[in-house]
Protein backbone atom coordinates (compact mmCIF):
# COMPACT_ATOMS: atom_id res chain seq x y z
CA MET A 1 105.55 97.21 91.70
CA VAL A 2 107.26 98.65 94.73
CA ASN A 3 111.05 98.86 94.79
CA ALA A 4 112.01 96.22 97.35
CA ALA A 5 115.59 97.57 97.40
CA ARG A 6 114.33 100.96 98.61
CA SER A 7 117.20 102.58 96.71
CA PRO A 8 117.28 105.62 94.44
CA THR A 9 119.91 103.92 92.24
CA PHE A 10 118.90 100.25 92.21
CA TYR A 11 115.56 98.57 91.60
CA GLU A 12 114.56 95.13 92.80
CA PHE A 13 111.19 93.41 92.59
CA ASP A 14 109.75 91.97 95.76
CA SER A 15 109.96 88.21 95.15
CA MET A 16 106.42 87.58 96.44
CA ASP A 17 104.98 90.35 94.25
CA LEU A 18 106.82 88.96 91.23
CA LEU A 19 105.64 85.41 91.95
CA ALA A 20 102.03 86.62 92.29
CA LEU A 21 102.33 88.54 89.01
CA TYR A 22 103.67 85.51 87.10
CA ARG A 23 101.01 83.22 88.59
CA GLU A 24 98.30 85.67 87.51
CA MET A 25 99.80 85.90 84.04
CA ASP A 26 100.00 82.09 83.79
CA GLU A 27 96.33 81.79 84.77
CA ARG A 28 95.45 84.15 81.91
CA ASP A 29 97.86 82.44 79.48
CA GLU A 30 99.77 85.72 79.15
CA GLU A 31 103.45 86.48 78.78
CA PRO A 32 105.39 89.74 79.21
CA ILE A 33 105.60 91.80 76.04
CA VAL A 34 107.24 94.96 77.39
CA VAL A 35 109.40 95.34 80.48
CA TYR A 36 110.22 98.95 81.24
CA HIS A 37 111.94 101.10 83.82
CA SER A 38 113.78 104.39 84.12
CA HIS A 39 117.41 105.33 84.58
CA THR A 40 117.53 108.58 86.50
CA ALA A 41 121.27 109.25 86.26
CA THR A 42 122.48 107.31 83.24
CA GLU A 43 121.62 106.85 79.58
CA ALA A 44 118.72 104.68 78.42
CA TYR A 45 120.86 101.62 77.83
CA PRO A 46 120.72 98.30 79.72
CA SER A 47 123.15 98.15 82.62
CA ARG A 48 125.02 94.95 83.49
CA THR A 49 122.38 94.38 86.15
CA ASP A 50 119.56 94.89 83.63
CA VAL A 51 121.17 92.33 81.31
CA SER A 52 121.70 89.81 84.11
CA TYR A 53 118.04 90.10 85.21
CA ALA A 54 116.61 89.97 81.66
CA SER A 55 114.79 86.63 81.70
CA GLU A 56 112.11 87.16 79.05
CA PRO A 57 113.61 86.50 75.59
CA GLY A 58 110.36 87.50 73.87
CA ALA A 59 110.04 90.81 75.69
CA HIS A 60 110.96 94.29 74.55
CA TYR A 61 112.98 96.08 77.24
CA LEU A 62 112.05 99.76 77.16
CA LEU A 63 114.32 102.16 79.05
CA VAL A 64 113.65 105.80 79.79
CA SER A 65 116.43 108.11 80.93
CA THR A 66 115.55 111.23 82.87
CA ARG A 67 119.15 112.25 83.55
CA GLU A 68 118.81 115.53 81.67
CA GLU A 69 116.34 118.09 82.95
CA ASP A 70 113.42 118.83 80.60
CA SER A 71 114.36 115.93 78.34
CA GLU A 72 113.65 112.22 78.08
CA GLU A 73 115.58 109.56 76.22
CA ILE A 74 113.51 106.48 75.31
CA ARG A 75 115.06 103.37 73.77
CA SER A 76 113.98 99.76 73.29
CA PHE A 77 116.09 96.60 73.32
CA ARG A 78 115.85 92.85 73.00
CA ILE A 79 118.03 91.04 75.51
CA VAL A 80 118.56 87.35 74.77
CA ASP A 81 121.27 85.22 76.39
CA GLY A 82 123.13 88.36 77.48
CA VAL A 83 123.15 89.87 73.99
CA VAL A 84 121.66 93.38 73.77
CA THR A 85 120.12 94.45 70.46
CA GLU A 86 118.57 97.89 70.07
CA GLU A 87 115.21 98.16 68.34
CA GLU A 88 113.84 101.14 66.46
CA ILE A 89 110.80 102.69 68.11
CA SER A 90 108.22 105.18 66.93
CA ILE A 91 106.15 107.31 69.23
CA VAL A 92 102.76 108.01 67.72
CA PRO A 93 99.95 110.19 69.02
CA SER A 94 97.10 108.42 70.78
CA LEU A 95 93.72 108.21 69.08
CA ASN A 96 92.55 111.11 71.27
CA GLU A 97 95.45 113.38 70.28
CA SER A 98 95.79 115.37 67.14
CA PRO A 99 99.25 115.51 65.52
CA ALA A 100 101.33 118.58 66.34
């Protein structure tokens, strides 16, 4: 989805895009499983804004930090009623990749 805020430091969904997405998901009897985004200047931890916008108690919130050059930090969280709980994640090779 396009960043409606048009900001390098803040992301906001376009309300019409978000409504269309949820209507499409409802038609397919789907619900969000993973909600992800990047933090370009801070750690991969939910900001106050992330927590306030977290409206899917069943979703895993995956954050990727690209603040350090040549390195990524990837973390997953559950956010329910403003409570942030980190989840352990494992990154596994795809079926088309051989292990290193």
